[in-house]
Every structure is written in C-alpha cells, then in structure tokens.
N, C-alpha and C. Protein backbone atom coordinates (compact mmCIF):
# COMPACT_ATOMS: atom_id res chain seq x y z
N UNK A 1 -11.60 3.17 2.74
CA UNK A 1 -11.21 4.53 2.98
C UNK A 1 -11.06 5.24 1.66
N UNK A 2 -11.53 6.40 1.59
CA UNK A 2 -11.46 7.17 0.35
C UNK A 2 -10.51 8.34 0.57
N UNK A 3 -9.81 8.72 -0.46
CA UNK A 3 -8.96 9.90 -0.42
C UNK A 3 -9.85 11.10 -0.12
N UNK A 4 -9.54 11.84 0.97
CA UNK A 4 -10.42 12.92 1.42
C UNK A 4 -10.03 14.29 0.89
N UNK A 5 -8.90 14.40 0.21
CA UNK A 5 -8.49 15.69 -0.32
C UNK A 5 -9.35 16.04 -1.53
N UNK A 6 -9.85 17.24 -1.53
CA UNK A 6 -10.68 17.69 -2.65
C UNK A 6 -9.82 17.83 -3.90
N UNK A 7 -10.22 17.20 -5.01
CA UNK A 7 -9.42 17.27 -6.23
C UNK A 7 -9.20 18.70 -6.72
N UNK A 8 -10.17 19.60 -6.51
CA UNK A 8 -10.00 20.95 -7.02
C UNK A 8 -9.01 21.76 -6.18
N UNK A 9 -8.52 21.20 -5.06
CA UNK A 9 -7.51 21.89 -4.29
C UNK A 9 -6.11 21.60 -4.82
N UNK A 10 -6.01 20.62 -5.71
CA UNK A 10 -4.73 20.27 -6.32
C UNK A 10 -4.42 21.20 -7.48
N UNK A 11 -3.15 21.51 -7.60
CA UNK A 11 -2.68 22.30 -8.72
C UNK A 11 -2.27 21.37 -9.86
N UNK A 12 -1.40 20.38 -9.56
CA UNK A 12 -0.90 19.47 -10.61
C UNK A 12 -0.83 18.01 -10.17
N UNK A 13 -1.12 17.71 -8.93
CA UNK A 13 -0.85 16.38 -8.38
C UNK A 13 -1.97 15.36 -8.60
N UNK A 14 -3.11 15.78 -9.11
CA UNK A 14 -4.26 14.89 -9.26
C UNK A 14 -3.91 13.58 -10.00
N UNK A 15 -3.11 13.60 -11.07
CA UNK A 15 -2.80 12.31 -11.72
C UNK A 15 -2.08 11.32 -10.79
N UNK A 16 -1.26 11.80 -9.87
CA UNK A 16 -0.61 10.90 -8.93
C UNK A 16 -1.62 10.36 -7.92
N UNK A 17 -2.52 11.20 -7.48
CA UNK A 17 -3.59 10.72 -6.58
C UNK A 17 -4.39 9.62 -7.27
N UNK A 18 -4.69 9.81 -8.55
CA UNK A 18 -5.45 8.81 -9.30
C UNK A 18 -4.66 7.51 -9.45
N UNK A 19 -3.37 7.62 -9.69
CA UNK A 19 -2.54 6.42 -9.84
C UNK A 19 -2.48 5.62 -8.54
N UNK A 20 -2.64 6.32 -7.42
CA UNK A 20 -2.58 5.68 -6.10
C UNK A 20 -3.95 5.19 -5.61
N UNK A 21 -5.00 5.47 -6.33
CA UNK A 21 -6.36 5.12 -5.90
C UNK A 21 -6.52 3.63 -5.54
N UNK A 22 -5.93 2.68 -6.29
CA UNK A 22 -6.10 1.27 -5.92
C UNK A 22 -5.61 0.95 -4.50
N UNK A 23 -4.67 1.72 -4.00
CA UNK A 23 -4.21 1.51 -2.63
C UNK A 23 -5.35 1.73 -1.63
N UNK A 24 -6.15 2.73 -1.89
CA UNK A 24 -7.29 3.04 -1.02
C UNK A 24 -8.42 2.05 -1.22
N UNK A 25 -8.65 1.69 -2.46
CA UNK A 25 -9.78 0.82 -2.78
C UNK A 25 -9.64 -0.58 -2.18
N UNK A 26 -8.44 -1.05 -1.99
CA UNK A 26 -8.25 -2.41 -1.47
C UNK A 26 -8.18 -2.51 0.04
N UNK A 27 -8.07 -1.39 0.72
CA UNK A 27 -7.91 -1.43 2.18
C UNK A 27 -9.04 -2.15 2.89
N UNK A 28 -10.26 -1.96 2.44
CA UNK A 28 -11.41 -2.59 3.09
C UNK A 28 -11.34 -4.10 3.09
N UNK A 29 -10.59 -4.68 2.14
CA UNK A 29 -10.49 -6.14 2.10
C UNK A 29 -9.83 -6.70 3.37
N UNK A 30 -9.00 -5.90 4.02
CA UNK A 30 -8.36 -6.34 5.26
C UNK A 30 -9.40 -6.51 6.37
N UNK A 31 -10.32 -5.57 6.47
CA UNK A 31 -11.37 -5.66 7.49
C UNK A 31 -12.37 -6.75 7.17
N UNK A 32 -12.71 -6.89 5.90
CA UNK A 32 -13.62 -7.96 5.49
C UNK A 32 -13.03 -9.34 5.80
N UNK A 33 -11.75 -9.48 5.57
CA UNK A 33 -11.09 -10.76 5.85
C UNK A 33 -11.08 -11.03 7.35
N UNK A 34 -10.85 -10.01 8.16
CA UNK A 34 -10.86 -10.20 9.61
C UNK A 34 -12.24 -10.67 10.06
N UNK A 35 -13.29 -10.05 9.52
CA UNK A 35 -14.65 -10.49 9.84
C UNK A 35 -14.87 -11.93 9.39
N UNK A 36 -14.39 -12.27 8.21
CA UNK A 36 -14.57 -13.62 7.69
C UNK A 36 -13.84 -14.66 8.53
N UNK A 37 -12.66 -14.31 9.02
CA UNK A 37 -11.89 -15.23 9.85
C UNK A 37 -12.66 -15.58 11.12
N UNK A 38 -13.39 -14.61 11.66
CA UNK A 38 -14.09 -14.86 12.92
C UNK A 38 -15.51 -15.39 12.72
N UNK A 39 -16.12 -15.14 11.57
CA UNK A 39 -17.55 -15.45 11.45
C UNK A 39 -17.92 -16.36 10.28
N UNK A 40 -17.06 -16.51 9.31
CA UNK A 40 -17.45 -17.25 8.10
C UNK A 40 -16.90 -18.67 8.13
N UNK A 41 -17.45 -19.50 7.29
CA UNK A 41 -16.90 -20.84 7.15
C UNK A 41 -15.50 -20.73 6.54
N UNK A 42 -14.71 -21.75 6.75
CA UNK A 42 -13.29 -21.71 6.35
C UNK A 42 -13.11 -21.39 4.87
N UNK A 43 -13.93 -21.98 4.01
CA UNK A 43 -13.80 -21.75 2.56
C UNK A 43 -13.98 -20.27 2.23
N UNK A 44 -14.97 -19.63 2.83
CA UNK A 44 -15.24 -18.22 2.59
C UNK A 44 -14.12 -17.36 3.18
N UNK A 45 -13.68 -17.72 4.37
CA UNK A 45 -12.60 -16.96 5.01
C UNK A 45 -11.31 -17.05 4.19
N UNK A 46 -10.99 -18.23 3.68
CA UNK A 46 -9.79 -18.38 2.86
C UNK A 46 -9.90 -17.59 1.56
N UNK A 47 -11.07 -17.55 0.98
CA UNK A 47 -11.26 -16.74 -0.24
C UNK A 47 -11.04 -15.27 0.07
N UNK A 48 -11.53 -14.83 1.22
CA UNK A 48 -11.34 -13.43 1.63
C UNK A 48 -9.87 -13.14 1.89
N UNK A 49 -9.19 -14.09 2.50
CA UNK A 49 -7.75 -13.93 2.74
C UNK A 49 -6.98 -13.90 1.42
N UNK A 50 -7.42 -14.68 0.45
CA UNK A 50 -6.78 -14.66 -0.87
C UNK A 50 -6.91 -13.27 -1.51
N UNK A 51 -8.06 -12.63 -1.31
CA UNK A 51 -8.26 -11.27 -1.82
C UNK A 51 -7.26 -10.32 -1.18
N UNK A 52 -7.07 -10.45 0.13
CA UNK A 52 -6.11 -9.61 0.85
C UNK A 52 -4.70 -9.85 0.35
N UNK A 53 -4.33 -11.11 0.21
CA UNK A 53 -2.99 -11.45 -0.27
C UNK A 53 -2.77 -10.84 -1.65
N UNK A 54 -3.77 -10.92 -2.51
CA UNK A 54 -3.66 -10.31 -3.84
C UNK A 54 -3.49 -8.80 -3.76
N UNK A 55 -4.25 -8.14 -2.89
CA UNK A 55 -4.13 -6.69 -2.70
C UNK A 55 -2.72 -6.32 -2.24
N UNK A 56 -2.21 -7.05 -1.27
CA UNK A 56 -0.88 -6.75 -0.76
C UNK A 56 0.19 -7.04 -1.80
N UNK A 57 0.11 -8.21 -2.43
CA UNK A 57 1.13 -8.64 -3.39
C UNK A 57 1.10 -7.84 -4.68
N UNK A 58 -0.11 -7.53 -5.18
CA UNK A 58 -0.24 -6.91 -6.49
C UNK A 58 -0.40 -5.40 -6.46
N UNK A 59 -0.71 -4.84 -5.30
CA UNK A 59 -0.94 -3.39 -5.22
C UNK A 59 -0.02 -2.73 -4.21
N UNK A 60 -0.08 -3.14 -2.96
CA UNK A 60 0.66 -2.43 -1.90
C UNK A 60 2.17 -2.55 -2.08
N UNK A 61 2.67 -3.75 -2.18
CA UNK A 61 4.13 -3.93 -2.27
C UNK A 61 4.70 -3.29 -3.54
N UNK A 62 4.08 -3.49 -4.71
CA UNK A 62 4.60 -2.78 -5.89
C UNK A 62 4.50 -1.26 -5.77
N UNK A 63 3.45 -0.76 -5.12
CA UNK A 63 3.33 0.69 -4.94
C UNK A 63 4.44 1.22 -4.05
N UNK A 64 4.80 0.48 -3.02
CA UNK A 64 5.90 0.91 -2.17
C UNK A 64 7.20 0.99 -2.97
N UNK A 65 7.43 -0.03 -3.77
CA UNK A 65 8.63 -0.03 -4.62
C UNK A 65 8.60 1.17 -5.57
N UNK A 66 7.44 1.39 -6.18
CA UNK A 66 7.30 2.50 -7.12
C UNK A 66 7.50 3.84 -6.43
N UNK A 67 6.93 4.00 -5.26
CA UNK A 67 7.10 5.26 -4.52
C UNK A 67 8.56 5.50 -4.16
N UNK A 68 9.26 4.45 -3.74
CA UNK A 68 10.67 4.59 -3.36
C UNK A 68 11.51 5.15 -4.50
N UNK A 69 11.14 4.80 -5.75
CA UNK A 69 11.95 5.21 -6.90
C UNK A 69 11.34 6.35 -7.70
N UNK A 70 10.26 6.92 -7.22
CA UNK A 70 9.65 8.05 -7.93
C UNK A 70 9.32 9.17 -6.96
N UNK A 71 8.25 9.00 -6.24
CA UNK A 71 7.72 10.02 -5.35
C UNK A 71 8.73 10.43 -4.27
N UNK A 72 9.39 9.46 -3.67
CA UNK A 72 10.29 9.78 -2.56
C UNK A 72 11.58 10.44 -3.04
N UNK A 73 12.03 10.10 -4.22
CA UNK A 73 13.19 10.80 -4.79
C UNK A 73 12.82 12.25 -5.06
N UNK A 74 11.62 12.46 -5.58
CA UNK A 74 11.15 13.84 -5.81
C UNK A 74 11.05 14.59 -4.48
N UNK A 75 10.56 13.93 -3.44
CA UNK A 75 10.44 14.59 -2.13
C UNK A 75 11.80 14.96 -1.57
N UNK A 76 12.77 14.08 -1.70
CA UNK A 76 14.12 14.41 -1.24
C UNK A 76 14.64 15.65 -1.95
N UNK A 77 14.35 15.76 -3.26
CA UNK A 77 14.76 16.94 -4.01
C UNK A 77 14.04 18.19 -3.55
N UNK A 78 12.74 18.09 -3.31
CA UNK A 78 11.97 19.24 -2.84
C UNK A 78 12.48 19.72 -1.50
N UNK A 79 12.76 18.78 -0.61
CA UNK A 79 13.21 19.13 0.74
C UNK A 79 14.70 19.47 0.78
N UNK A 80 15.40 19.19 -0.33
CA UNK A 80 16.81 19.55 -0.41
C UNK A 80 17.71 18.71 0.47
N UNK A 81 17.25 17.53 0.82
CA UNK A 81 18.03 16.69 1.71
C UNK A 81 17.86 15.22 1.32
N UNK A 82 18.89 14.62 0.74
CA UNK A 82 18.80 13.18 0.47
C UNK A 82 18.52 12.44 1.78
N UNK A 83 17.59 11.50 1.73
CA UNK A 83 17.25 10.73 2.92
C UNK A 83 16.11 11.32 3.74
N UNK A 84 15.60 12.48 3.31
CA UNK A 84 14.53 13.10 4.09
C UNK A 84 13.25 12.26 4.08
N UNK A 85 13.12 11.39 3.13
CA UNK A 85 11.93 10.54 3.06
C UNK A 85 12.19 9.13 3.60
N UNK A 86 13.28 8.95 4.31
CA UNK A 86 13.61 7.62 4.84
C UNK A 86 12.55 7.09 5.80
N UNK A 87 11.83 7.97 6.49
CA UNK A 87 10.77 7.51 7.40
C UNK A 87 9.68 6.80 6.61
N UNK A 88 9.38 7.30 5.42
CA UNK A 88 8.36 6.66 4.58
C UNK A 88 8.88 5.31 4.09
N UNK A 89 10.14 5.25 3.72
CA UNK A 89 10.73 3.98 3.29
C UNK A 89 10.71 2.97 4.43
N UNK A 90 10.95 3.42 5.66
CA UNK A 90 10.89 2.53 6.82
C UNK A 90 9.47 2.00 7.01
N UNK A 91 8.48 2.86 6.80
CA UNK A 91 7.09 2.40 6.88
C UNK A 91 6.81 1.36 5.79
N UNK A 92 7.32 1.59 4.60
CA UNK A 92 7.15 0.62 3.52
C UNK A 92 7.73 -0.74 3.94
N UNK A 93 8.94 -0.73 4.49
CA UNK A 93 9.57 -1.99 4.90
C UNK A 93 8.75 -2.70 5.97
N UNK A 94 8.23 -1.94 6.93
CA UNK A 94 7.44 -2.55 8.00
C UNK A 94 6.14 -3.15 7.47
N UNK A 95 5.45 -2.41 6.64
CA UNK A 95 4.19 -2.91 6.06
C UNK A 95 4.48 -4.14 5.20
N UNK A 96 5.52 -4.10 4.41
CA UNK A 96 5.87 -5.24 3.56
C UNK A 96 6.24 -6.46 4.40
N UNK A 97 6.93 -6.25 5.53
CA UNK A 97 7.27 -7.37 6.42
C UNK A 97 6.01 -7.97 7.04
N UNK A 98 5.08 -7.11 7.45
CA UNK A 98 3.82 -7.62 7.99
C UNK A 98 3.04 -8.39 6.92
N UNK A 99 3.09 -7.91 5.69
CA UNK A 99 2.42 -8.62 4.59
C UNK A 99 3.05 -10.00 4.41
N UNK A 100 4.36 -10.08 4.50
CA UNK A 100 5.04 -11.37 4.41
C UNK A 100 4.65 -12.30 5.55
N UNK A 101 4.52 -11.74 6.76
CA UNK A 101 4.09 -12.54 7.90
C UNK A 101 2.67 -13.08 7.67
N UNK A 102 1.79 -12.21 7.17
CA UNK A 102 0.41 -12.65 6.91
C UNK A 102 0.40 -13.78 5.88
N UNK A 103 1.17 -13.66 4.84
CA UNK A 103 1.22 -14.70 3.81
C UNK A 103 1.66 -16.03 4.42
N UNK A 104 2.63 -16.01 5.31
CA UNK A 104 3.09 -17.24 5.95
C UNK A 104 1.98 -17.88 6.78
N UNK A 105 1.24 -17.05 7.52
CA UNK A 105 0.16 -17.58 8.36
C UNK A 105 -0.97 -18.12 7.48
N UNK A 106 -1.32 -17.40 6.42
CA UNK A 106 -2.37 -17.89 5.51
C UNK A 106 -1.94 -19.22 4.90
N UNK A 107 -0.70 -19.32 4.46
CA UNK A 107 -0.21 -20.57 3.88
C UNK A 107 -0.27 -21.71 4.90
N UNK A 108 0.12 -21.43 6.15
CA UNK A 108 0.08 -22.47 7.19
C UNK A 108 -1.35 -22.89 7.49
N UNK A 109 -2.26 -21.93 7.56
CA UNK A 109 -3.67 -22.24 7.83
C UNK A 109 -4.25 -23.09 6.70
N UNK A 110 -3.92 -22.73 5.49
CA UNK A 110 -4.42 -23.48 4.33
C UNK A 110 -3.85 -24.90 4.36
N UNK A 111 -2.57 -25.05 4.66
CA UNK A 111 -1.94 -26.37 4.68
C UNK A 111 -2.52 -27.25 5.78
N UNK A 112 -2.80 -26.67 6.94
CA UNK A 112 -3.36 -27.43 8.06
C UNK A 112 -4.86 -27.68 7.89
N UNK A 113 -5.50 -26.86 7.08
CA UNK A 113 -6.94 -27.00 6.88
C UNK A 113 -7.76 -26.60 8.09
N UNK A 114 -7.14 -25.92 9.03
CA UNK A 114 -7.84 -25.51 10.26
C UNK A 114 -7.60 -24.03 10.50
N UNK A 115 -8.44 -23.22 9.89
CA UNK A 115 -8.31 -21.76 9.98
C UNK A 115 -8.49 -21.25 11.41
N UNK A 116 -9.35 -21.88 12.17
CA UNK A 116 -9.68 -21.40 13.52
C UNK A 116 -8.45 -21.30 14.42
N UNK A 117 -7.55 -22.28 14.31
CA UNK A 117 -6.38 -22.24 15.19
C UNK A 117 -5.39 -21.13 14.82
N UNK A 118 -5.56 -20.55 13.63
CA UNK A 118 -4.66 -19.48 13.19
C UNK A 118 -5.27 -18.09 13.35
N UNK A 119 -6.50 -18.02 13.80
CA UNK A 119 -7.18 -16.72 13.95
C UNK A 119 -6.41 -15.79 14.88
N UNK A 120 -5.80 -16.33 15.92
CA UNK A 120 -5.07 -15.47 16.87
C UNK A 120 -3.84 -14.81 16.23
N UNK A 121 -3.37 -15.35 15.12
CA UNK A 121 -2.28 -14.74 14.38
C UNK A 121 -2.81 -13.86 13.25
N UNK A 122 -3.86 -14.34 12.60
CA UNK A 122 -4.41 -13.62 11.46
C UNK A 122 -5.03 -12.28 11.86
N UNK A 123 -5.81 -12.27 12.92
CA UNK A 123 -6.53 -11.05 13.29
C UNK A 123 -5.59 -9.87 13.60
N UNK A 124 -4.57 -10.06 14.44
CA UNK A 124 -3.67 -8.91 14.68
C UNK A 124 -2.97 -8.43 13.41
N UNK A 125 -2.62 -9.37 12.53
CA UNK A 125 -1.97 -8.97 11.28
C UNK A 125 -2.94 -8.21 10.37
N UNK A 126 -4.16 -8.70 10.25
CA UNK A 126 -5.14 -8.02 9.39
C UNK A 126 -5.47 -6.63 9.92
N UNK A 127 -5.78 -6.54 11.21
CA UNK A 127 -6.10 -5.22 11.78
C UNK A 127 -4.88 -4.32 11.80
N UNK A 128 -3.72 -4.90 12.10
CA UNK A 128 -2.49 -4.11 12.11
C UNK A 128 -2.13 -3.57 10.74
N UNK A 129 -2.29 -4.41 9.73
CA UNK A 129 -2.02 -3.95 8.37
C UNK A 129 -3.00 -2.87 7.95
N UNK A 130 -4.26 -3.04 8.30
CA UNK A 130 -5.24 -2.00 7.97
C UNK A 130 -4.82 -0.67 8.59
N UNK A 131 -4.50 -0.70 9.88
CA UNK A 131 -4.13 0.55 10.58
C UNK A 131 -2.84 1.13 10.00
N UNK A 132 -1.84 0.30 9.78
CA UNK A 132 -0.56 0.80 9.27
C UNK A 132 -0.71 1.38 7.87
N UNK A 133 -1.43 0.69 7.01
CA UNK A 133 -1.62 1.18 5.63
C UNK A 133 -2.44 2.45 5.64
N UNK A 134 -3.48 2.49 6.44
CA UNK A 134 -4.32 3.69 6.48
C UNK A 134 -3.53 4.91 6.96
N UNK A 135 -2.82 4.77 8.06
CA UNK A 135 -2.03 5.90 8.58
C UNK A 135 -0.96 6.30 7.57
N UNK A 136 -0.33 5.32 6.97
CA UNK A 136 0.71 5.58 5.98
C UNK A 136 0.15 6.37 4.79
N UNK A 137 -0.95 5.87 4.23
CA UNK A 137 -1.54 6.54 3.06
C UNK A 137 -2.04 7.94 3.41
N UNK A 138 -2.68 8.07 4.55
CA UNK A 138 -3.19 9.39 4.94
C UNK A 138 -2.06 10.38 5.16
N UNK A 139 -0.96 9.93 5.74
CA UNK A 139 0.17 10.86 5.94
C UNK A 139 0.76 11.28 4.61
N UNK A 140 0.87 10.35 3.66
CA UNK A 140 1.36 10.72 2.34
C UNK A 140 0.40 11.70 1.65
N UNK A 141 -0.88 11.39 1.71
CA UNK A 141 -1.89 12.24 1.06
C UNK A 141 -1.95 13.64 1.68
N UNK A 142 -1.86 13.70 3.00
CA UNK A 142 -2.04 14.97 3.70
C UNK A 142 -0.78 15.81 3.80
N UNK A 143 0.39 15.18 3.76
CA UNK A 143 1.63 15.93 3.93
C UNK A 143 2.52 15.94 2.69
N UNK A 144 2.78 14.77 2.13
CA UNK A 144 3.75 14.68 1.05
C UNK A 144 3.18 15.15 -0.29
N UNK A 145 1.99 14.71 -0.64
CA UNK A 145 1.44 15.11 -1.93
C UNK A 145 1.19 16.61 -2.04
N UNK A 146 0.71 17.29 -0.99
CA UNK A 146 0.59 18.75 -1.11
C UNK A 146 1.94 19.45 -1.32
N UNK A 147 3.00 18.93 -0.70
CA UNK A 147 4.33 19.51 -0.94
C UNK A 147 4.75 19.32 -2.39
N UNK A 148 4.49 18.13 -2.90
CA UNK A 148 4.80 17.88 -4.30
C UNK A 148 3.97 18.79 -5.20
N UNK A 149 2.71 18.96 -4.86
CA UNK A 149 1.82 19.80 -5.65
C UNK A 149 2.31 21.24 -5.68
N UNK A 150 2.85 21.70 -4.58
CA UNK A 150 3.31 23.09 -4.48
C UNK A 150 4.64 23.33 -5.19
N UNK A 151 5.45 22.28 -5.34
CA UNK A 151 6.82 22.48 -5.82
C UNK A 151 7.16 21.85 -7.16
N UNK A 152 6.31 20.97 -7.66
CA UNK A 152 6.62 20.33 -8.93
C UNK A 152 5.75 20.91 -10.04
N UNK A 153 6.29 20.85 -11.24
CA UNK A 153 5.52 21.28 -12.41
C UNK A 153 4.63 20.13 -12.88
N UNK A 154 3.72 20.46 -13.75
CA UNK A 154 2.84 19.44 -14.32
C UNK A 154 3.65 18.36 -15.05
N UNK A 155 4.67 18.78 -15.77
CA UNK A 155 5.47 17.80 -16.50
C UNK A 155 6.30 16.93 -15.55
N UNK A 156 6.77 17.50 -14.45
CA UNK A 156 7.51 16.70 -13.47
C UNK A 156 6.59 15.66 -12.83
N UNK A 157 5.38 16.06 -12.49
CA UNK A 157 4.42 15.11 -11.94
C UNK A 157 4.10 14.04 -12.99
N UNK A 158 4.00 14.44 -14.25
CA UNK A 158 3.76 13.48 -15.32
C UNK A 158 4.83 12.41 -15.38
N UNK A 159 6.09 12.80 -15.21
CA UNK A 159 7.20 11.84 -15.21
C UNK A 159 7.08 10.92 -13.99
N UNK A 160 6.76 11.48 -12.82
CA UNK A 160 6.59 10.67 -11.61
C UNK A 160 5.49 9.64 -11.84
N UNK A 161 4.35 10.09 -12.36
CA UNK A 161 3.20 9.19 -12.58
C UNK A 161 3.54 8.13 -13.62
N UNK A 162 4.18 8.52 -14.69
CA UNK A 162 4.54 7.55 -15.74
C UNK A 162 5.47 6.48 -15.17
N UNK A 163 6.47 6.88 -14.42
CA UNK A 163 7.40 5.91 -13.84
C UNK A 163 6.75 5.09 -12.73
N UNK A 164 5.91 5.73 -11.92
CA UNK A 164 5.17 5.03 -10.88
C UNK A 164 4.33 3.92 -11.51
N UNK A 165 3.60 4.25 -12.55
CA UNK A 165 2.72 3.28 -13.22
C UNK A 165 3.53 2.17 -13.87
N UNK A 166 4.65 2.51 -14.47
CA UNK A 166 5.51 1.51 -15.12
C UNK A 166 6.07 0.54 -14.08
N UNK A 167 6.53 1.06 -12.96
CA UNK A 167 7.09 0.20 -11.91
C UNK A 167 5.98 -0.66 -11.29
N UNK A 168 4.80 -0.07 -11.08
CA UNK A 168 3.66 -0.83 -10.54
C UNK A 168 3.32 -2.01 -11.45
N UNK A 169 3.47 -1.81 -12.73
CA UNK A 169 3.15 -2.86 -13.71
C UNK A 169 4.26 -3.91 -13.81
N UNK A 170 5.36 -3.70 -13.09
CA UNK A 170 6.46 -4.65 -13.13
C UNK A 170 7.38 -4.47 -14.29
N UNK A 171 7.35 -3.28 -14.91
CA UNK A 171 8.17 -3.03 -16.09
C UNK A 171 9.51 -2.37 -15.76
N UNK A 172 10.08 -2.74 -14.63
CA UNK A 172 11.41 -2.24 -14.30
C UNK A 172 12.16 -3.30 -13.53
N UNK A 173 13.48 -3.28 -13.59
CA UNK A 173 14.27 -4.29 -12.87
C UNK A 173 13.96 -4.23 -11.37
N UNK A 174 13.77 -5.36 -10.77
CA UNK A 174 13.54 -5.43 -9.34
C UNK A 174 12.16 -5.00 -8.89
N UNK A 175 11.22 -4.81 -9.80
CA UNK A 175 9.91 -4.32 -9.44
C UNK A 175 9.02 -5.38 -8.81
N UNK A 176 9.37 -6.64 -8.96
CA UNK A 176 8.53 -7.68 -8.40
C UNK A 176 8.68 -7.71 -6.88
N UNK A 177 7.61 -8.14 -6.21
CA UNK A 177 7.63 -8.22 -4.76
C UNK A 177 8.55 -9.35 -4.31
N UNK A 178 9.07 -9.20 -3.11
CA UNK A 178 10.01 -10.21 -2.60
C UNK A 178 9.36 -11.56 -2.40
C-alpha cells in the first residue's frame, strides 16, 4: 500500500509522511507470508514469516511507541483535549498484541517443524494484521496528518519528526518493543 495523499497538498507535514514510509513499505510482507504459508515449502514460508516478524518488531511496534510520544501528544494539543488520541493508542495496543500472538505462533511452528498444522492460526493473524495496520495507517494519513499540517509550524513538525526518528531508532528510554 502506498501513501495516497499528494505531497504537494501538504503545507509542512511531508517530512513526517516520509518518516512513516517504512510502515507502508512493509505491509505487503503480511500478504506474501500468508501466501507462502498456504503454498510454499516450509523453509520458504518460515523465511517469509521471519520478514513479517522483522517488520512488526523493527518498524511497526517502534513506530507506535514513537507516535504515542510525538504525534499523538501534538494531536492532543491541537484538539485541546488530553486523551483525544486515545483511540489511536488503543489501536496501537491491539496491533501490538496481535503481533505478539503471531510471534508466539511462528515460534511454536518453528519448534514443532510442522508449519501446516499452524496455518489455521497464522492466516487469520497475518490477514488480520494487514487489515488492522492498513486501516490504522490510512486513518492517520487521511485524518490526523492533515490536522497536524493545518495547525503546526514547520519547526514544530521538525521536532515531531526528529523525536519520532530518535524513538524509532531506540534512542530513548523504553523505546524497545515488549
């Protein structure tokens, strides 16, 4: 899935969209892994699942943490109501919990050496994560980022992006995934 908002429609938010691009770029790995689970040999399917686990562990979960401490704090300020972005935080928790569930199933499948018996657990998680992440990202892109673009200055967005990137890189206390 590609970010569908035209860059020239942004006033100042483009650097944040760019910082979030890896979230979009990795989404397809969820669908590829689902296909591999049903059609590929176990070795190929496990490699595909490893790619998904890496995307979730190294991109999605850190991005959620980074958003909670940057973008969502800014949104609460824009909306003038602390907690106004709690729905997004709840989505982060749900997606992160599903990612944890997927990791457990992948670990169990790898330990048993029989991927086929775990397909009934893997497929709903892979497709569910794809749908949840896609809806989540699209809602942020279509609703939250335009509000930020309309109400924040270029320097404020710069601070959000700098802190977002720093937290994504693990350069803050508690930035590592659970």
